[in-house]
Amino acid sequence: MKTELEQKLTESTAHRKSRESISNYCIRKEKVDELTSIAFSTTNENHVKAVWSLELVCEKKLKLFVPFIDSFCSVLPQLEDDSAIRPATKICFFLAKSNHRKNGISLTHEQEHNLIEALIDRLIQDEKVAAKVYAMKALFVFGKKYDWINNELKEILVQDFPNHSAAYKSASKHILKKLNK
């Protein structure tokens, strides 16, 4: 028998309102642990829908996600569905931004390393543009702490620039402009 959350996920859609309803439910009912469990189980029928809602949980209340960062780092390289990869890379961006802020969450060195490695892989692999854009944004933020990332990021963006869509080119131009300051 399905739990209430599993039933809600089964009935949900990709629409923002539906995803927000699930994320609000998980925050209000303290179901973030169950949501992450489903999101990180790539064989679960609701895995992708759970990742969509988890992105919104992280956008609203990133601190609730802290206990699950190690598990997230482990599952991140295993994600294969484009619909799960985009929100997962956006979660990486939220983590990078918060880690960089004074009163944000603090990632361990190992967590940073795992996220950076996964983001670089996403950036050089054949992924959809949205995932690549969040990967480059997150890497740019991590590059403020680790100089070597800026060199690597610049090299990847310049090399890949001619082979991508207008959306990718626009985002990479923006990051390259910041890197060249």
Protein backbone atom coordinates (compact mmCIF):
# COMPACT_ATOMS: atom_id res chain seq x y z
CA MET A 1 0.00 0.00 0.00
CA LYS A 2 1.28 3.45 -0.94
CA THR A 3 2.01 6.11 1.63
CA GLU A 4 0.19 9.43 1.38
CA LEU A 5 3.27 11.03 -0.19
CA GLU A 6 3.66 8.25 -2.75
CA GLN A 7 0.00 8.66 -3.70
CA LYS A 8 0.43 12.42 -4.05
CA LEU A 9 3.51 11.90 -6.25
CA THR A 10 1.68 9.38 -8.42
CA GLU A 11 -1.13 11.88 -9.00
CA SER A 12 1.18 14.87 -9.52
CA THR A 13 2.28 16.47 -12.79
CA ALA A 14 5.23 18.52 -13.99
CA HIS A 15 3.28 21.75 -13.55
CA ARG A 16 4.80 24.17 -11.07
CA LYS A 17 1.61 24.28 -8.97
CA SER A 18 1.62 20.48 -8.60
CA ARG A 19 5.32 20.38 -7.67
CA GLU A 20 4.83 23.21 -5.15
CA SER A 21 1.93 21.38 -3.57
CA ILE A 22 4.13 18.32 -2.97
CA SER A 23 7.09 20.36 -1.69
CA ASN A 24 4.85 22.37 0.68
CA TYR A 25 3.28 19.14 1.94
CA CYS A 26 6.73 17.65 2.62
CA ILE A 27 7.91 20.74 4.47
CA ARG A 28 4.69 21.11 6.48
CA LYS A 29 4.37 17.40 7.37
CA GLU A 30 8.12 16.85 7.84
CA LYS A 31 8.29 14.34 5.00
CA VAL A 32 11.56 15.53 3.44
CA ASP A 33 13.26 12.27 4.45
CA GLU A 34 10.62 10.22 2.61
CA LEU A 35 10.77 12.55 -0.40
CA THR A 36 14.56 12.24 -0.63
CA SER A 37 14.34 8.48 -0.24
CA ILE A 38 12.02 8.31 -3.26
CA ALA A 39 14.04 10.88 -5.21
CA PHE A 40 17.29 8.99 -4.66
CA SER A 41 15.79 5.63 -5.62
CA THR A 42 16.26 5.74 -9.39
CA THR A 43 14.17 2.60 -9.85
CA ASN A 44 11.14 4.05 -8.06
CA GLU A 45 8.30 4.93 -10.45
CA ASN A 46 8.01 8.36 -8.80
CA HIS A 47 11.75 9.08 -8.67
CA VAL A 48 11.66 11.91 -11.23
CA LYS A 49 8.57 13.55 -9.72
CA ALA A 50 10.22 13.38 -6.30
CA VAL A 51 13.36 15.12 -7.63
CA TRP A 52 11.16 17.86 -9.12
CA SER A 53 9.57 18.51 -5.74
CA LEU A 54 12.85 18.15 -3.88
CA GLU A 55 14.26 20.99 -5.99
CA LEU A 56 11.49 23.26 -4.66
CA VAL A 57 12.07 22.10 -1.07
CA CYS A 58 15.73 23.08 -1.49
CA GLU A 59 14.79 26.38 -3.07
CA LYS A 60 12.57 27.25 -0.08
CA LYS A 61 14.27 25.53 2.88
CA LEU A 62 17.72 24.29 1.92
CA LYS A 63 18.65 23.61 5.55
CA LEU A 64 16.10 20.75 5.59
CA PHE A 65 18.23 19.05 2.92
CA VAL A 66 21.51 19.14 4.88
CA PRO A 67 21.15 15.62 6.41
CA PHE A 68 20.78 14.18 2.90
CA ILE A 69 23.74 15.84 1.15
CA ASP A 70 26.03 12.81 1.42
CA SER A 71 23.37 10.56 -0.11
CA PHE A 72 22.73 13.18 -2.79
CA CYS A 73 26.44 13.26 -3.64
CA SER A 74 26.38 9.47 -4.05
CA VAL A 75 23.31 9.33 -6.27
CA LEU A 76 24.10 12.43 -8.37
CA PRO A 77 26.50 10.70 -10.81
CA GLN A 78 24.02 7.81 -11.23
CA LEU A 79 21.14 9.96 -12.48
CA GLU A 80 20.29 9.18 -16.09
CA ASP A 81 16.86 10.68 -16.70
CA ASP A 82 17.11 14.20 -18.14
CA SER A 83 14.01 15.16 -16.16
CA ALA A 84 15.85 14.33 -12.92
CA ILE A 85 19.26 15.69 -13.94
CA ARG A 86 18.08 19.29 -14.45
CA PRO A 87 16.55 19.72 -10.96
CA ALA A 88 19.49 17.85 -9.41
CA THR A 89 22.00 20.27 -10.98
CA LYS A 90 19.82 23.14 -9.78
CA ILE A 91 20.03 21.71 -6.25
CA CYS A 92 23.83 21.69 -6.70
CA PHE A 93 23.62 25.38 -7.59
CA PHE A 94 21.59 26.10 -4.43
CA LEU A 95 24.17 24.20 -2.35
CA ALA A 96 27.09 26.04 -3.97
CA LYS A 97 25.48 29.46 -3.40
CA SER A 98 24.57 28.71 0.20
CA ASN A 99 28.02 27.26 0.92
CA HIS A 100 29.56 30.49 -0.37
CA ARG A 101 27.40 32.76 1.84
CA LYS A 102 28.40 33.69 5.34
CA ASN A 103 25.27 32.38 7.08
CA GLY A 104 24.61 29.57 4.62
CA ILE A 105 25.12 25.87 4.98
CA SER A 106 28.66 24.51 5.18
CA LEU A 107 29.63 21.67 2.90
CA THR A 108 32.48 19.39 3.89
CA HIS A 109 35.53 19.29 1.65
CA GLU A 110 34.47 15.82 0.48
CA GLN A 111 30.94 17.02 -0.35
CA GLU A 112 32.36 19.95 -2.32
CA HIS A 113 34.70 17.60 -4.18
CA ASN A 114 31.88 15.17 -5.03
CA LEU A 115 29.59 17.94 -6.24
CA ILE A 116 32.32 19.61 -8.30
CA GLU A 117 33.29 16.32 -9.93
CA ALA A 118 29.66 15.50 -10.78
CA LEU A 119 29.07 19.02 -12.15
CA ILE A 120 32.13 18.89 -14.38
CA ASP A 121 30.98 15.52 -15.69
CA ARG A 122 27.51 16.94 -16.43
CA LEU A 123 29.04 19.90 -18.20
CA ILE A 124 31.19 17.79 -20.53
CA GLN A 125 28.63 15.03 -21.10
CA ASP A 126 25.80 15.12 -23.61
CA GLU A 127 23.18 16.71 -21.38
CA LYS A 128 20.29 19.08 -22.03
CA VAL A 129 21.12 22.77 -21.95
CA ALA A 130 19.32 23.57 -18.67
CA ALA A 131 21.39 21.01 -16.77
CA LYS A 132 24.60 22.36 -18.32
CA VAL A 133 23.64 25.94 -17.42
CA TYR A 134 23.05 25.07 -13.75
CA ALA A 135 26.29 23.07 -13.76
CA MET A 136 28.29 26.01 -15.09
CA LYS A 137 26.64 28.42 -12.62
CA ALA A 138 27.38 26.13 -9.68
CA LEU A 139 30.97 25.58 -10.83
CA PHE A 140 31.43 29.34 -11.16
CA VAL A 141 30.39 29.75 -7.51
CA PHE A 142 32.71 26.92 -6.39
CA GLY A 143 35.45 28.62 -8.44
CA LYS A 144 35.38 31.53 -6.01
CA LYS A 145 36.86 29.16 -3.44
CA TYR A 146 38.95 26.93 -5.72
CA ASP A 147 40.85 28.82 -8.44
CA TRP A 148 41.55 25.72 -10.51
CA ILE A 149 37.82 25.40 -11.25
CA ASN A 150 37.79 28.76 -13.05
CA ASN A 151 40.54 27.62 -15.44
CA GLU A 152 38.81 24.30 -16.07
CA LEU A 153 35.41 25.96 -16.52
CA LYS A 154 36.79 28.56 -18.93
CA GLU A 155 38.50 25.87 -21.00
CA ILE A 156 35.34 23.75 -21.22
CA LEU A 157 33.10 26.70 -22.11
CA VAL A 158 35.42 28.04 -24.81
CA GLN A 159 35.95 24.59 -26.31
CA ASP A 160 32.23 23.69 -26.34
CA PHE A 161 30.91 27.12 -27.32
CA PRO A 162 30.67 26.58 -31.11
CA ASN A 163 28.90 23.22 -30.75
CA HIS A 164 25.87 24.31 -28.73
CA SER A 165 22.53 26.08 -28.92
CA ALA A 166 21.88 29.79 -28.55
CA ALA A 167 20.75 29.25 -24.94
CA TYR A 168 24.02 27.51 -24.05
CA LYS A 169 26.05 30.18 -25.82
CA SER A 170 24.22 32.95 -23.98
CA ALA A 171 24.79 31.37 -20.57
CA SER A 172 28.42 30.54 -21.29
CA LYS A 173 29.08 34.09 -22.57
CA HIS A 174 27.71 35.43 -19.30
CA ILE A 175 29.95 33.12 -17.21
CA LEU A 176 33.00 33.74 -19.44
CA LYS A 177 32.51 37.48 -19.03
CA LYS A 178 32.57 37.06 -15.24
CA LEU A 179 35.62 34.78 -15.44
CA ASN A 180 37.55 37.31 -17.51
CA LYS A 181 37.07 40.18 -15.05
